[in-house]
C-alpha atoms as a PDB file:
ATOM      1  CA  MET A   1     -16.967  26.642  21.275  1.00  0.00           C
ATOM      2  CA  ARG A   2     -16.810  28.942  24.133  1.00  0.00           C
ATOM      3  CA  ARG A   3     -16.793  32.535  23.007  1.00  0.00           C
ATOM      4  CA  LEU A   4     -14.274  34.841  24.490  1.00  0.00           C
ATOM      5  CA  THR A   5     -15.363  38.414  25.667  1.00  0.00           C
ATOM      6  CA  PRO A   6     -12.992  41.089  26.279  1.00  0.00           C
ATOM      7  CA  ASP A   7     -12.136  42.262  29.808  1.00  0.00           C
ATOM      8  CA  PRO A   8     -14.271  45.425  30.517  1.00  0.00           C
ATOM      9  CA  ALA A   9     -11.260  46.950  32.268  1.00  0.00           C
ATOM     10  CA  GLN A  10      -9.138  46.428  29.164  1.00  0.00           C
ATOM     11  CA  ALA A  11     -11.961  47.724  26.885  1.00  0.00           C
ATOM     12  CA  HIS A  12     -12.237  51.030  28.710  1.00  0.00           C
ATOM     13  CA  GLY A  13      -8.542  51.337  29.722  1.00  0.00           C
ATOM     14  CA  LEU A  14      -9.190  51.225  33.404  1.00  0.00           C
ATOM     15  CA  PRO A  15      -6.383  50.155  35.742  1.00  0.00           C
ATOM     16  CA  GLY A  16      -6.361  46.384  36.430  1.00  0.00           C
ATOM     17  CA  PRO A  17      -3.497  44.594  37.854  1.00  0.00           C
ATOM     18  CA  SER A  18      -1.578  47.606  38.956  1.00  0.00           C
ATOM     19  CA  TRP A  19      -3.275  48.309  42.197  1.00  0.00           C
ATOM     20  CA  PRO A  20      -0.201  47.372  44.163  1.00  0.00           C
ATOM     21  CA  MET A  21       1.775  49.905  42.222  1.00  0.00           C
ATOM     22  CA  LEU A  22      -0.788  52.499  42.756  1.00  0.00           C
ATOM     23  CA  ALA A  23      -0.812  51.786  46.371  1.00  0.00           C
ATOM     24  CA  GLY A  24       2.966  52.244  46.542  1.00  0.00           C
ATOM     25  CA  PHE A  25       2.521  55.555  44.760  1.00  0.00           C
ATOM     26  CA  VAL A  26       0.042  56.783  47.421  1.00  0.00           C
ATOM     27  CA  CYS A  27       2.317  55.689  50.076  1.00  0.00           C
ATOM     28  CA  LEU A  28       5.089  58.008  48.604  1.00  0.00           C
ATOM     29  CA  LEU A  29       2.685  60.891  48.007  1.00  0.00           C
ATOM     30  CA  ALA A  30       1.218  61.001  51.395  1.00  0.00           C
ATOM     31  CA  PRO A  31       4.188  61.814  53.446  1.00  0.00           C
ATOM     32  CA  THR A  32       5.319  64.516  50.794  1.00  0.00           C
ATOM     33  CA  ALA A  33       1.908  66.176  50.834  1.00  0.00           C
ATOM     34  CA  TRP A  34       1.905  66.136  54.599  1.00  0.00           C
ATOM     35  CA  THR A  35       5.333  67.636  54.840  1.00  0.00           C
ATOM     36  CA  LEU A  36       4.521  70.462  52.397  1.00  0.00           C
ATOM     37  CA  PHE A  37       1.236  71.028  54.096  1.00  0.00           C
ATOM     38  CA  GLN A  38       3.001  71.685  57.261  1.00  0.00           C
ATOM     39  CA  SER A  39       5.815  73.887  55.845  1.00  0.00           C
ATOM     40  CA  LEU A  40       5.326  75.586  52.429  1.00  0.00           C
ATOM     41  CA  TRP A  41       1.480  75.485  52.523  1.00  0.00           C
ATOM     42  CA  ALA A  42       1.174  76.516  56.102  1.00  0.00           C
ATOM     43  CA  LYS A  43       2.551  80.008  55.390  1.00  0.00           C
ATOM     44  CA  PRO A  44       0.298  83.060  56.163  1.00  0.00           C
ATOM     45  CA  GLU A  45       0.468  83.655  52.294  1.00  0.00           C
ATOM     46  CA  PRO A  46       0.760  80.198  50.947  1.00  0.00           C
ATOM     47  CA  GLY A  47       1.358  79.229  47.443  1.00  0.00           C
ATOM     48  CA  PRO A  48      -1.303  77.483  45.248  1.00  0.00           C
ATOM     49  CA  GLY A  49       0.493  74.010  45.949  1.00  0.00           C
ATOM     50  CA  PHE A  50      -2.442  72.446  47.721  1.00  0.00           C
ATOM     51  CA  LEU A  51      -5.007  73.671  45.302  1.00  0.00           C
ATOM     52  CA  LEU A  52      -2.863  72.430  42.424  1.00  0.00           C
ATOM     53  CA  LEU A  53      -2.616  68.909  44.013  1.00  0.00           C
ATOM     54  CA  LEU A  54      -6.457  68.738  44.061  1.00  0.00           C
ATOM     55  CA  ILE A  55      -6.575  69.893  40.545  1.00  0.00           C
ATOM     56  CA  VAL A  56      -4.080  67.390  39.411  1.00  0.00           C
ATOM     57  CA  LEU A  57      -6.026  64.441  41.182  1.00  0.00           C
ATOM     58  CA  TRP A  58      -9.158  65.762  39.538  1.00  0.00           C
ATOM     59  CA  LEU A  59      -7.637  65.898  36.137  1.00  0.00           C
ATOM     60  CA  PHE A  60      -6.369  62.271  36.274  1.00  0.00           C
ATOM     61  CA  ALA A  61      -9.743  61.026  37.404  1.00  0.00           C
ATOM     62  CA  LEU A  62     -11.341  62.990  34.687  1.00  0.00           C
ATOM     63  CA  ARG A  63      -9.025  61.729  31.962  1.00  0.00           C
ATOM     64  CA  LEU A  64      -9.290  58.159  33.323  1.00  0.00           C
ATOM     65  CA  GLY A  65     -12.971  58.096  32.604  1.00  0.00           C
ATOM     66  CA  ASP A  66     -12.168  58.301  28.775  1.00  0.00           C
ATOM     67  CA  ALA A  67      -8.916  56.619  28.813  1.00  0.00           C
ATOM     68  CA  PRO A  68      -8.121  54.600  25.548  1.00  0.00           C
ATOM     69  CA  PRO A  69      -7.501  50.951  25.446  1.00  0.00           C
ATOM     70  CA  ARG A  70      -4.100  49.814  26.750  1.00  0.00           C
ATOM     71  CA  GLY A  71      -1.321  49.885  24.373  1.00  0.00           C
ATOM     72  CA  ARG A  72       1.951  47.862  24.370  1.00  0.00           C
ATOM     73  CA  PRO A  73       3.785  48.378  27.724  1.00  0.00           C
ATOM     74  CA  ARG A  74       7.119  50.104  27.242  1.00  0.00           C
ATOM     75  CA  VAL A  75      10.469  49.192  28.780  1.00  0.00           C
ATOM     76  CA  SER A  76      11.056  52.759  29.284  1.00  0.00           C
ATOM     77  CA  GLY A  77       8.503  52.798  31.810  1.00  0.00           C
ATOM     78  CA  GLY A  78      10.589  50.808  34.208  1.00  0.00           C
ATOM     79  CA  LEU A  79      13.416  53.039  33.810  1.00  0.00           C
ATOM     80  CA  CYS A  80      11.258  56.090  34.497  1.00  0.00           C
ATOM     81  CA  LEU A  81      10.098  54.351  37.624  1.00  0.00           C
ATOM     82  CA  LEU A  82      13.644  53.754  38.825  1.00  0.00           C
ATOM     83  CA  ALA A  83      14.725  57.326  38.091  1.00  0.00           C
ATOM     84  CA  GLY A  84      11.696  58.720  39.836  1.00  0.00           C
ATOM     85  CA  LEU A  85      12.270  56.562  42.895  1.00  0.00           C
ATOM     86  CA  PHE A  86      16.081  57.594  43.025  1.00  0.00           C
ATOM     87  CA  LEU A  87      15.008  61.363  42.764  1.00  0.00           C
ATOM     88  CA  TYR A  88      12.345  60.701  45.499  1.00  0.00           C
ATOM     89  CA  LEU A  89      14.718  59.170  47.910  1.00  0.00           C
ATOM     90  CA  LEU A  90      17.440  61.614  47.181  1.00  0.00           C
ATOM     91  CA  GLY A  91      15.003  64.735  47.623  1.00  0.00           C
ATOM     92  CA  HIS A  92      13.233  63.237  50.720  1.00  0.00           C
ATOM     93  CA  SER A  93      16.547  62.462  52.510  1.00  0.00           C
ATOM     94  CA  GLN A  94      18.028  65.798  51.711  1.00  0.00           C
ATOM     95  CA  GLY A  95      14.859  67.944  52.149  1.00  0.00           C
ATOM     96  CA  ILE A  96      15.050  69.090  48.737  1.00  0.00           C
ATOM     97  CA  TRP A  97      11.312  69.633  48.019  1.00  0.00           C
ATOM     98  CA  ALA A  98      11.812  70.302  44.257  1.00  0.00           C
ATOM     99  CA  LEU A  99      13.496  67.081  43.598  1.00  0.00           C
ATOM    100  CA  GLU A 100      11.007  65.166  45.730  1.00  0.00           C
ATOM    101  CA  SER A 101       8.092  66.756  44.089  1.00  0.00           C
ATOM    102  CA  SER A 102       9.294  66.300  40.517  1.00  0.00           C
ATOM    103  CA  ALA A 103       9.949  62.659  41.169  1.00  0.00           C
ATOM    104  CA  PHE A 104       6.244  61.969  40.878  1.00  0.00           C
ATOM    105  CA  ILE A 105       6.242  63.137  37.229  1.00  0.00           C
ATOM    106  CA  LEU A 106       8.753  60.294  36.455  1.00  0.00           C
ATOM    107  CA  LEU A 107       6.914  57.859  38.742  1.00  0.00           C
ATOM    108  CA  LEU A 108       3.486  58.458  36.988  1.00  0.00           C
ATOM    109  CA  ALA A 109       4.959  58.509  33.561  1.00  0.00           C
ATOM    110  CA  GLY A 110       6.701  55.135  34.274  1.00  0.00           C
ATOM    111  CA  TRP A 111       3.343  53.717  35.492  1.00  0.00           C
ATOM    112  CA  LEU A 112       1.534  54.981  32.429  1.00  0.00           C
ATOM    113  CA  LEU A 113       4.084  53.443  30.068  1.00  0.00           C
ATOM    114  CA  LEU A 114       3.999  50.193  31.795  1.00  0.00           C
ATOM    115  CA  GLU A 115       0.150  50.089  32.239  1.00  0.00           C
ATOM    116  CA  GLY A 116      -0.990  51.532  28.881  1.00  0.00           C
ATOM    117  CA  GLY A 117       1.997  52.338  26.747  1.00  0.00           C
ATOM    118  CA  GLY A 118       2.691  55.438  24.810  1.00  0.00           C
ATOM    119  CA  ARG A 119      -1.031  56.132  24.057  1.00  0.00           C
ATOM    120  CA  TRP A 120      -1.751  56.314  27.887  1.00  0.00           C
ATOM    121  CA  LEU A 121       1.308  58.767  28.313  1.00  0.00           C
ATOM    122  CA  ARG A 122      -0.150  60.882  25.541  1.00  0.00           C
ATOM    123  CA  HIS A 123      -3.729  60.712  26.908  1.00  0.00           C
ATOM    124  CA  PHE A 124      -2.579  61.890  30.363  1.00  0.00           C
ATOM    125  CA  GLY A 125       0.013  64.328  29.122  1.00  0.00           C
ATOM    126  CA  PHE A 126      -1.795  67.483  30.300  1.00  0.00           C
ATOM    127  CA  PRO A 127      -2.313  66.475  33.950  1.00  0.00           C
ATOM    128  CA  LEU A 128       1.081  64.960  34.017  1.00  0.00           C
ATOM    129  CA  GLY A 129       2.737  68.271  32.786  1.00  0.00           C
ATOM    130  CA  TYR A 130       0.489  70.199  35.202  1.00  0.00           C
ATOM    131  CA  ILE A 131       2.509  68.611  38.123  1.00  0.00           C
ATOM    132  CA  LEU A 132       5.357  70.846  37.092  1.00  0.00           C
ATOM    133  CA  LEU A 133       3.292  73.761  38.524  1.00  0.00           C
ATOM    134  CA  MET A 134       3.382  72.143  41.897  1.00  0.00           C
ATOM    135  CA  VAL A 135       7.194  71.832  42.034  1.00  0.00           C
ATOM    136  CA  PRO A 136       8.486  74.285  44.621  1.00  0.00           C
ATOM    137  CA  GLN A 137      10.729  76.855  42.941  1.00  0.00           C
ATOM    138  CA  ILE A 138      14.543  76.229  43.314  1.00  0.00           C
ATOM    139  CA  GLY A 139      16.793  78.878  44.480  1.00  0.00           C
ATOM    140  CA  ASP A 140      16.038  82.491  45.652  1.00  0.00           C
ATOM    141  CA  ASN A 141      13.953  84.673  43.548  1.00  0.00           C
ATOM    142  CA  GLY A 142      14.140  87.588  45.778  1.00  0.00           C
ATOM    143  CA  TRP A 143      15.353  89.884  42.878  1.00  0.00           C
ATOM    144  CA  LEU A 144      12.124  89.181  41.046  1.00  0.00           C
ATOM    145  CA  THR A 145       9.879  89.635  44.071  1.00  0.00           C
ATOM    146  CA  SER A 146      11.594  92.810  45.034  1.00  0.00           C
ATOM    147  CA  GLY A 147      11.265  94.271  41.576  1.00  0.00           C
ATOM    148  CA  LEU A 148       7.585  93.342  41.459  1.00  0.00           C
ATOM    149  CA  LYS A 149       7.050  94.943  44.920  1.00  0.00           C
ATOM    150  CA  ILE A 150       8.385  98.114  43.803  1.00  0.00           C
ATOM    151  CA  GLN A 151       6.360  98.277  40.751  1.00  0.00           C
ATOM    152  CA  VAL A 152       3.134  97.317  42.241  1.00  0.00           C
ATOM    153  CA  SER A 153       3.765  99.990  45.087  1.00  0.00           C
ATOM    154  CA  ALA A 154       4.463 102.690  42.181  1.00  0.00           C
ATOM    155  CA  TRP A 155       1.279 101.768  40.300  1.00  0.00           C
ATOM    156  CA  ALA A 156      -0.853 101.717  43.515  1.00  0.00           C
ATOM    157  CA  GLU A 157       0.503 105.145  44.457  1.00  0.00           C
ATOM    158  CA  ALA A 158      -0.130 106.527  40.916  1.00  0.00           C
ATOM    159  CA  LEU A 159      -3.770 105.202  40.969  1.00  0.00           C
ATOM    160  CA  GLY A 160      -4.281 106.805  44.462  1.00  0.00           C
ATOM    161  CA  TYR A 161      -2.892 110.127  43.303  1.00  0.00           C
ATOM    162  CA  ALA A 162      -4.937 110.195  40.110  1.00  0.00           C
ATOM    163  CA  LEU A 163      -8.120 109.638  42.178  1.00  0.00           C
ATOM    164  CA  GLY A 164      -7.069 112.525  44.605  1.00  0.00           C
ATOM    165  CA  TYR A 165      -6.062 110.505  47.576  1.00  0.00           C
ATOM    166  CA  PRO A 166      -3.225 111.753  49.763  1.00  0.00           C
ATOM    167  CA  VAL A 167      -0.789 108.829  48.842  1.00  0.00           C
ATOM    168  CA  ALA A 168       2.902 108.964  48.885  1.00  0.00           C
ATOM    169  CA  ARG A 169       5.617 106.333  48.464  1.00  0.00           C
ATOM    170  CA  ASP A 170       9.094 105.674  49.640  1.00  0.00           C
ATOM    171  CA  GLY A 171      10.340 102.494  47.998  1.00  0.00           C
ATOM    172  CA  VAL A 172       7.837  99.785  49.187  1.00  0.00           C
ATOM    173  CA  LEU A 173       6.373 102.068  51.930  1.00  0.00           C
ATOM    174  CA  LEU A 174       3.053 103.662  51.224  1.00  0.00           C
ATOM    175  CA  TYR A 175       1.825 106.532  53.217  1.00  0.00           C
ATOM    176  CA  ILE A 176      -1.821 107.687  53.244  1.00  0.00           C
ATOM    177  CA  GLY A 177      -3.039 110.137  55.846  1.00  0.00           C
ATOM    178  CA  GLN A 178      -1.480 109.098  59.181  1.00  0.00           C
ATOM    179  CA  TYR A 179      -1.033 105.522  58.094  1.00  0.00           C
ATOM    180  CA  GLN A 180       2.006 103.685  56.793  1.00  0.00           C
ATOM    181  CA  LEU A 181       1.794 100.454  54.770  1.00  0.00           C
ATOM    182  CA  LEU A 182       4.461  98.101  53.946  1.00  0.00           C
ATOM    183  CA  VAL A 183       4.159  96.102  50.628  1.00  0.00           C
ATOM    184  CA  ALA A 184       5.666  92.893  51.942  1.00  0.00           C
ATOM    185  CA  ASP A 185       6.960  89.979  49.712  1.00  0.00           C
ATOM    186  CA  ALA A 186       3.545  88.167  50.241  1.00  0.00           C
ATOM    187  CA  CYS A 187       1.855  91.267  48.628  1.00  0.00           C
ATOM    188  CA  SER A 188       4.161  91.439  45.637  1.00  0.00           C
ATOM    189  CA  GLY A 189       1.883  89.334  43.694  1.00  0.00           C
ATOM    190  CA  MET A 190       4.240  86.322  42.841  1.00  0.00           C
ATOM    191  CA  ASN A 191       1.925  83.960  44.563  1.00  0.00           C
ATOM    192  CA  SER A 192      -1.136  85.315  42.753  1.00  0.00           C
ATOM    193  CA  LEU A 193       0.706  85.516  39.417  1.00  0.00           C
ATOM    194  CA  PHE A 194       1.673  81.821  39.810  1.00  0.00           C
ATOM    195  CA  SER A 195      -1.695  80.694  40.806  1.00  0.00           C
ATOM    196  CA  LEU A 196      -3.470  82.590  38.057  1.00  0.00           C
ATOM    197  CA  CYS A 197      -1.067  81.341  35.519  1.00  0.00           C
ATOM    198  CA  ALA A 198      -2.079  77.839  36.604  1.00  0.00           C
ATOM    199  CA  LEU A 199      -5.756  78.509  36.609  1.00  0.00           C
ATOM    200  CA  GLY A 200      -5.504  80.274  33.169  1.00  0.00           C
ATOM    201  CA  LEU A 201      -3.871  77.141  31.838  1.00  0.00           C
ATOM    202  CA  LEU A 202      -6.663  74.975  33.387  1.00  0.00           C
ATOM    203  CA  TYR A 203      -9.202  77.371  31.907  1.00  0.00           C
ATOM    204  CA  LEU A 204      -7.775  76.995  28.408  1.00  0.00           C
ATOM    205  CA  TYR A 205      -7.647  73.260  28.733  1.00  0.00           C
ATOM    206  CA  LEU A 206     -11.314  73.002  29.744  1.00  0.00           C
ATOM    207  CA  GLN A 207     -12.475  75.515  27.079  1.00  0.00           C
ATOM    208  CA  ARG A 208     -10.691  73.430  24.368  1.00  0.00           C
ATOM    209  CA  HIS A 209     -10.558  76.367  21.911  1.00  0.00           C
ATOM    210  CA  HIS A 210      -9.705  75.334  18.367  1.00  0.00           C
ATOM    211  CA  SER A 211      -8.290  78.796  17.520  1.00  0.00           C
ATOM    212  CA  LEU A 212      -4.592  78.752  18.208  1.00  0.00           C
ATOM    213  CA  TRP A 213      -4.462  82.594  18.043  1.00  0.00           C
ATOM    214  CA  ARG A 214      -7.238  82.779  20.810  1.00  0.00           C
ATOM    215  CA  ARG A 215      -5.260  80.418  23.095  1.00  0.00           C
ATOM    216  CA  PHE A 216      -2.075  82.297  22.376  1.00  0.00           C
ATOM    217  CA  LEU A 217      -3.673  85.750  23.213  1.00  0.00           C
ATOM    218  CA  ILE A 218      -5.351  84.561  26.352  1.00  0.00           C
ATOM    219  CA  LEU A 219      -1.964  83.173  27.638  1.00  0.00           C
ATOM    220  CA  LEU A 220      -0.536  86.516  27.002  1.00  0.00           C
ATOM    221  CA  CYS A 221      -3.212  88.227  28.916  1.00  0.00           C
ATOM    222  CA  ILE A 222      -2.800  86.100  32.073  1.00  0.00           C
ATOM    223  CA  VAL A 223       0.342  87.978  33.377  1.00  0.00           C
ATOM    224  CA  PRO A 224      -0.862  91.622  32.902  1.00  0.00           C
ATOM    225  CA  ILE A 225      -4.313  90.682  34.340  1.00  0.00           C
ATOM    226  CA  SER A 226      -2.853  89.158  37.518  1.00  0.00           C
ATOM    227  CA  ILE A 227      -0.522  92.146  38.103  1.00  0.00           C
ATOM    228  CA  PHE A 228      -3.314  94.656  37.406  1.00  0.00           C
ATOM    229  CA  ALA A 229      -5.532  92.703  39.850  1.00  0.00           C
ATOM    230  CA  ASN A 230      -2.737  92.748  42.428  1.00  0.00           C
ATOM    231  CA  VAL A 231      -2.488  96.558  42.022  1.00  0.00           C
ATOM    232  CA  LEU A 232      -6.175  96.900  42.676  1.00  0.00           C
ATOM    233  CA  ARG A 233      -5.836  94.652  45.746  1.00  0.00           C
ATOM    234  CA  VAL A 234      -3.103  96.879  47.199  1.00  0.00           C
ATOM    235  CA  PHE A 235      -5.055  99.868  46.527  1.00  0.00           C
ATOM    236  CA  SER A 236      -8.143  98.578  48.064  1.00  0.00           C
ATOM    237  CA  LEU A 237      -6.217  97.808  51.256  1.00  0.00           C
ATOM    238  CA  ILE A 238      -4.849 101.425  51.248  1.00  0.00           C
ATOM    239  CA  LEU A 239      -8.564 102.678  51.040  1.00  0.00           C
ATOM    240  CA  VAL A 240      -9.645 100.362  53.827  1.00  0.00           C
ATOM    241  CA  THR A 241      -6.804 101.443  55.997  1.00  0.00           C
ATOM    242  CA  TYR A 242      -7.641 105.139  55.210  1.00  0.00           C
ATOM    243  CA  TYR A 243     -11.272 104.931  55.913  1.00  0.00           C
ATOM    244  CA  PHE A 244     -11.354 102.295  58.796  1.00  0.00           C
ATOM    245  CA  GLY A 245      -7.984 102.249  60.307  1.00  0.00           C
ATOM    246  CA  ASP A 246      -4.994  99.851  60.222  1.00  0.00           C
ATOM    247  CA  ALA A 247      -6.586  97.116  62.420  1.00  0.00           C
ATOM    248  CA  VAL A 248      -9.325  96.560  59.788  1.00  0.00           C
ATOM    249  CA  GLY A 249      -6.808  96.850  56.832  1.00  0.00           C
ATOM    250  CA  GLN A 250      -4.611  94.170  58.309  1.00  0.00           C
ATOM    251  CA  GLY A 251      -7.306  91.900  59.454  1.00  0.00           C
ATOM    252  CA  PHE A 252     -10.094  90.236  57.800  1.00  0.00           C
ATOM    253  CA  ALA A 253     -10.032  92.858  55.012  1.00  0.00           C
ATOM    254  CA  HIS A 254      -6.585  91.547  54.046  1.00  0.00           C
ATOM    255  CA  GLN A 255      -7.795  88.012  53.462  1.00  0.00           C
ATOM    256  CA  LEU A 256     -10.873  89.180  51.673  1.00  0.00           C
ATOM    257  CA  ALA A 257      -8.880  91.378  49.371  1.00  0.00           C
ATOM    258  CA  GLY A 258      -6.841  88.222  48.375  1.00  0.00           C
ATOM    259  CA  LEU A 259      -9.923  86.373  47.567  1.00  0.00           C
ATOM    260  CA  MET A 260     -11.403  89.329  45.617  1.00  0.00           C
ATOM    261  CA  LEU A 261      -8.294  89.260  43.702  1.00  0.00           C
ATOM    262  CA  PHE A 262      -8.873  85.869  42.181  1.00  0.00           C
ATOM    263  CA  VAL A 263     -12.465  86.616  41.587  1.00  0.00           C
ATOM    264  CA  LEU A 264     -11.626  89.855  39.666  1.00  0.00           C
ATOM    265  CA  ALA A 265      -8.714  88.338  37.781  1.00  0.00           C
ATOM    266  CA  LEU A 266     -10.819  85.168  36.572  1.00  0.00           C
ATOM    267  CA  GLY A 267     -13.576  87.607  35.661  1.00  0.00           C
ATOM    268  CA  MET A 268     -11.160  89.675  33.546  1.00  0.00           C
ATOM    269  CA  LEU A 269      -9.846  86.500  31.925  1.00  0.00           C
ATOM    270  CA  TYR A 270     -13.275  85.441  31.130  1.00  0.00           C
ATOM    271  CA  GLY A 271     -14.039  88.835  29.688  1.00  0.00           C
ATOM    272  CA  VAL A 272     -10.913  88.779  27.478  1.00  0.00           C
ATOM    273  CA  ASP A 273     -11.907  85.419  26.207  1.00  0.00           C
ATOM    274  CA  ARG A 274     -15.434  86.606  25.367  1.00  0.00           C
ATOM    275  CA  LEU A 275     -14.061  89.586  23.618  1.00  0.00           C
ATOM    276  CA  LEU A 276     -11.672  87.393  21.474  1.00  0.00           C
ATOM    277  CA  ARG A 277     -14.621  85.320  20.669  1.00  0.00           C
ATOM    278  CA  LEU A 278     -15.661  88.088  18.324  1.00  0.00           C
ATOM    279  CA  CYS A 279     -12.260  88.184  16.589  1.00  0.00           C
ATOM    280  CA  CYS A 280     -11.227  84.618  16.567  1.00  0.00           C
ATOM    281  CA  PRO A 281     -14.402  82.383  16.959  1.00  0.00           C
ATOM    282  CA  ASP A 282     -13.997  78.727  16.953  1.00  0.00           C
ATOM    283  CA  HIS A 283     -15.302  76.643  14.164  1.00  0.00           C
ATOM    284  CA  GLY A 284     -18.939  76.230  14.573  1.00  0.00           C
ATOM    285  CA  GLU A 285     -19.200  78.678  17.542  1.00  0.00           C
ATOM    286  CA  SER A 286     -21.884  81.233  17.479  1.00  0.00           C
ATOM    287  CA  VAL A 287     -20.738  84.885  18.035  1.00  0.00           C
END
């Protein structure tokens, strides 16, 4: 009697006969990513969309390596595929990036349900939900950006005044010496706030803390840390302009300050995590 051996692809949960479906998914993703790369992601102060796309692809590849065996395919997977395809066609034809981007959540959920059942949908739940962070915001959030600009400007002025610098403010206009700086929408911190929230969630996911209080407190600290880091960014540009002139402050130093914002914010987030480790250590974790 011939002994039957299980299919290695089935044993490890790797994709088997669904390569045509994955190829179709890539054909839908490529024009969307290219359109966003030429529009939203090509702005002088782009959002974190392109970075999040790379993170999502990496998370799926990471979770695919330890995927469970396939479960029973669900009929709801076909419904998700149809709904996702409808949203994609509607968003692509009308130029609505939010609909076109969110359609990939339904498309991927449908593929997971058909390919591996509910256990695959649960296994890939985090990278699937992470796609929500890539969806462009719907509507105008100018009121939020405007309020954040004014607050960041006021804190930067207060910091400069406390350190003895001749800083004055008129709304979102900052004056130091003979120079005048405008805190524009790009400097309000909305992009950095959104980016750091996304990276903070990724940090918590990779750390896999068992303490729920520790996770909750780190999440609460992401927003104030990102705002504080952005205030330091604006203040550093004020100092660069004051000492080296407007050309330097609006040139390379402006891009470097944006990079330093993320380094500083991630460093503070790690520091908060280490501090909370003393108060809420995980089981088996040395303090």
